[in-house]
Amino acid sequence: MPYVITSSALGAEDTPPASDRIVMGGIGIGNMGRGDQGAFLGRADVQYVAVCDVRQAPATRPRRR
């Protein structure tokens, strides 16, 4: 069976390869978590994939970035 390796896994033009990328999610993004999240979102080697917060506003804010 042949394996398919996507270009994003190997590193496309604007995406670092999986071995050079940090994949993360945030739990509790209000208050201090918002500053930490902003720092990570500004990095090209970070792929932010999930956000969870009991309050709806902090949980949906990152989607708009």
Protein backbone atom coordinates (compact mmCIF):
# COMPACT_ATOMS: atom_id res chain seq x y z
CA MET A 1 0.00 0.00 0.00
CA PRO A 2 1.55 3.36 -0.96
CA TYR A 3 1.81 6.12 1.62
CA VAL A 4 0.82 9.69 0.84
CA ILE A 5 2.84 12.41 2.54
CA THR A 6 1.34 15.85 2.20
CA SER A 7 3.40 18.91 1.37
CA SER A 8 2.45 20.46 4.71
CA ALA A 9 4.03 17.51 6.53
CA LEU A 10 7.25 17.92 4.56
CA GLY A 11 7.19 21.69 4.65
CA ALA A 12 5.61 23.73 1.90
CA GLU A 13 6.87 27.16 0.82
CA ASP A 14 5.37 29.02 3.79
CA THR A 15 4.95 26.11 6.24
CA PRO A 16 7.81 24.57 8.20
CA PRO A 17 8.02 20.75 8.14
CA ALA A 18 6.27 18.87 10.96
CA SER A 19 9.58 18.22 12.69
CA ASP A 20 10.19 21.99 12.96
CA ARG A 21 6.66 22.97 13.98
CA ILE A 22 4.94 23.22 17.37
CA VAL A 23 1.29 22.11 17.31
CA MET A 24 -0.65 23.32 20.32
CA GLY A 25 -4.04 24.15 21.77
CA GLY A 26 -5.11 26.50 24.52
CA ILE A 27 -7.23 25.73 27.56
CA GLY A 28 -8.49 28.73 29.51
CA ILE A 29 -7.56 31.59 27.17
CA GLY A 30 -8.92 34.46 29.29
CA ASN A 31 -6.70 36.90 31.22
CA MET A 32 -3.07 35.67 31.24
CA GLY A 33 -3.69 32.93 28.68
CA ARG A 34 -4.55 35.55 26.08
CA GLY A 35 -1.07 37.08 26.27
CA ASP A 36 0.60 33.69 26.02
CA GLN A 37 -1.60 32.74 23.08
CA GLY A 38 -0.79 36.00 21.29
CA ALA A 39 2.93 35.32 21.65
CA PHE A 40 2.57 31.85 20.14
CA LEU A 41 0.27 33.01 17.31
CA GLY A 42 2.95 35.46 16.23
CA ARG A 43 5.45 32.66 15.58
CA ALA A 44 5.70 31.03 12.17
CA ASP A 45 6.70 27.66 13.67
CA VAL A 46 3.54 27.35 15.81
CA GLN A 47 0.32 25.78 14.54
CA TYR A 48 -2.49 26.61 16.98
CA VAL A 49 -5.19 23.99 16.41
CA ALA A 50 -7.62 24.14 19.35
CA VAL A 51 -9.02 26.55 21.93
CA CYS A 52 -11.19 25.80 24.94
CA ASP A 53 -12.64 28.18 27.52
CA VAL A 54 -15.79 28.05 29.65
CA ARG A 55 -16.66 31.57 28.46
CA GLN A 56 -17.64 31.89 24.80
CA ALA A 57 -15.93 35.23 24.04
CA PRO A 58 -12.34 34.10 24.82
CA ALA A 59 -12.90 30.79 23.04
CA THR A 60 -14.03 32.41 19.77
CA ARG A 61 -11.63 35.37 19.72
CA PRO A 62 -8.61 33.48 18.26
CA ARG A 63 -10.65 32.24 15.31
CA ARG A 64 -10.78 35.78 14.01
CA ARG A 65 -6.98 36.18 13.83
